[in-house]
Amino acid sequence: NVEKLIEYTSERYTLYPGDIIMTGTPDGVGPVEPGDVMTCELEGIGIMDVKVQAA
């Protein structure tokens, strides 16, 4: 439920216009590993690449 996800997140973090809440990989995709690059494209806004690092 997207509404509950936003509510939960906003109770713990300050969200600003343009913030993106990433929810993980879709079914059928392998796990994300350090060194992987995730690409997010938002129509009319642009493309963002995120390099995964170990915590």
C-alpha atoms as a PDB file:
ATOM      1  CA  ASN A   1       0.000   0.000   0.000  1.00  0.00           C
ATOM      2  CA  VAL A   2       1.732   3.150  -1.224  1.00  0.00           C
ATOM      3  CA  GLU A   3      -0.120   5.465   1.157  1.00  0.00           C
ATOM      4  CA  LYS A   4       1.010   3.467   4.211  1.00  0.00           C
ATOM      5  CA  LEU A   5       4.579   3.342   2.889  1.00  0.00           C
ATOM      6  CA  ILE A   6       4.673   7.141   2.561  1.00  0.00           C
ATOM      7  CA  GLU A   7       3.076   7.576   5.993  1.00  0.00           C
ATOM      8  CA  TYR A   8       5.557   5.188   7.646  1.00  0.00           C
ATOM      9  CA  THR A   9       8.543   6.801   5.940  1.00  0.00           C
ATOM     10  CA  SER A  10       7.459  10.373   6.678  1.00  0.00           C
ATOM     11  CA  GLU A  11       7.082   9.549  10.386  1.00  0.00           C
ATOM     12  CA  ARG A  12      10.770   8.624  10.514  1.00  0.00           C
ATOM     13  CA  TYR A  13      12.380  10.936   7.957  1.00  0.00           C
ATOM     14  CA  THR A  14      11.794  14.420   6.637  1.00  0.00           C
ATOM     15  CA  LEU A  15      10.621  14.062   3.045  1.00  0.00           C
ATOM     16  CA  TYR A  16      11.270  16.877   0.594  1.00  0.00           C
ATOM     17  CA  PRO A  17       9.755  17.585  -2.836  1.00  0.00           C
ATOM     18  CA  GLY A  18      11.540  15.364  -5.332  1.00  0.00           C
ATOM     19  CA  ASP A  19      12.470  12.656  -2.794  1.00  0.00           C
ATOM     20  CA  ILE A  20      12.140   9.102  -4.099  1.00  0.00           C
ATOM     21  CA  ILE A  21      11.206   6.115  -1.925  1.00  0.00           C
ATOM     22  CA  MET A  22      12.720   3.000  -3.496  1.00  0.00           C
ATOM     23  CA  THR A  23      10.959  -0.224  -2.558  1.00  0.00           C
ATOM     24  CA  GLY A  24      13.214  -2.958  -3.878  1.00  0.00           C
ATOM     25  CA  THR A  25      13.350  -5.181  -6.910  1.00  0.00           C
ATOM     26  CA  PRO A  26      10.290  -6.597  -8.690  1.00  0.00           C
ATOM     27  CA  ASP A  27       9.518 -10.328  -8.741  1.00  0.00           C
ATOM     28  CA  GLY A  28      11.832 -12.384 -10.923  1.00  0.00           C
ATOM     29  CA  VAL A  29      14.865 -10.124 -10.492  1.00  0.00           C
ATOM     30  CA  GLY A  30      17.909 -11.299  -8.556  1.00  0.00           C
ATOM     31  CA  PRO A  31      19.189  -9.617  -5.382  1.00  0.00           C
ATOM     32  CA  VAL A  32      20.957  -6.263  -5.548  1.00  0.00           C
ATOM     33  CA  GLU A  33      24.688  -6.631  -4.895  1.00  0.00           C
ATOM     34  CA  PRO A  34      27.427  -4.098  -4.042  1.00  0.00           C
ATOM     35  CA  GLY A  35      28.740  -2.601  -7.278  1.00  0.00           C
ATOM     36  CA  ASP A  36      25.399  -2.914  -9.085  1.00  0.00           C
ATOM     37  CA  VAL A  37      24.014   0.234 -10.686  1.00  0.00           C
ATOM     38  CA  MET A  38      20.269   0.872 -10.526  1.00  0.00           C
ATOM     39  CA  THR A  39      18.773   3.279 -13.057  1.00  0.00           C
ATOM     40  CA  CYS A  40      15.559   5.172 -12.371  1.00  0.00           C
ATOM     41  CA  GLU A  41      13.901   7.167 -15.166  1.00  0.00           C
ATOM     42  CA  LEU A  42      11.128   9.635 -14.378  1.00  0.00           C
ATOM     43  CA  GLU A  43       9.315  10.833 -17.471  1.00  0.00           C
ATOM     44  CA  GLY A  44       9.720  14.565 -17.932  1.00  0.00           C
ATOM     45  CA  ILE A  45      12.297  14.803 -15.132  1.00  0.00           C
ATOM     46  CA  GLY A  46      15.355  12.765 -16.036  1.00  0.00           C
ATOM     47  CA  ILE A  47      17.408   9.667 -15.315  1.00  0.00           C
ATOM     48  CA  MET A  48      19.158   8.837 -12.037  1.00  0.00           C
ATOM     49  CA  ASP A  49      21.842   6.150 -11.612  1.00  0.00           C
ATOM     50  CA  VAL A  50      22.456   4.795  -8.102  1.00  0.00           C
ATOM     51  CA  LYS A  51      25.565   2.679  -7.406  1.00  0.00           C
ATOM     52  CA  VAL A  52      24.929   0.099  -4.669  1.00  0.00           C
ATOM     53  CA  GLN A  53      27.463  -0.015  -1.821  1.00  0.00           C
ATOM     54  CA  ALA A  54      27.713  -2.319   1.181  1.00  0.00           C
ATOM     55  CA  ALA A  55      26.500  -0.762   4.439  1.00  0.00           C
END
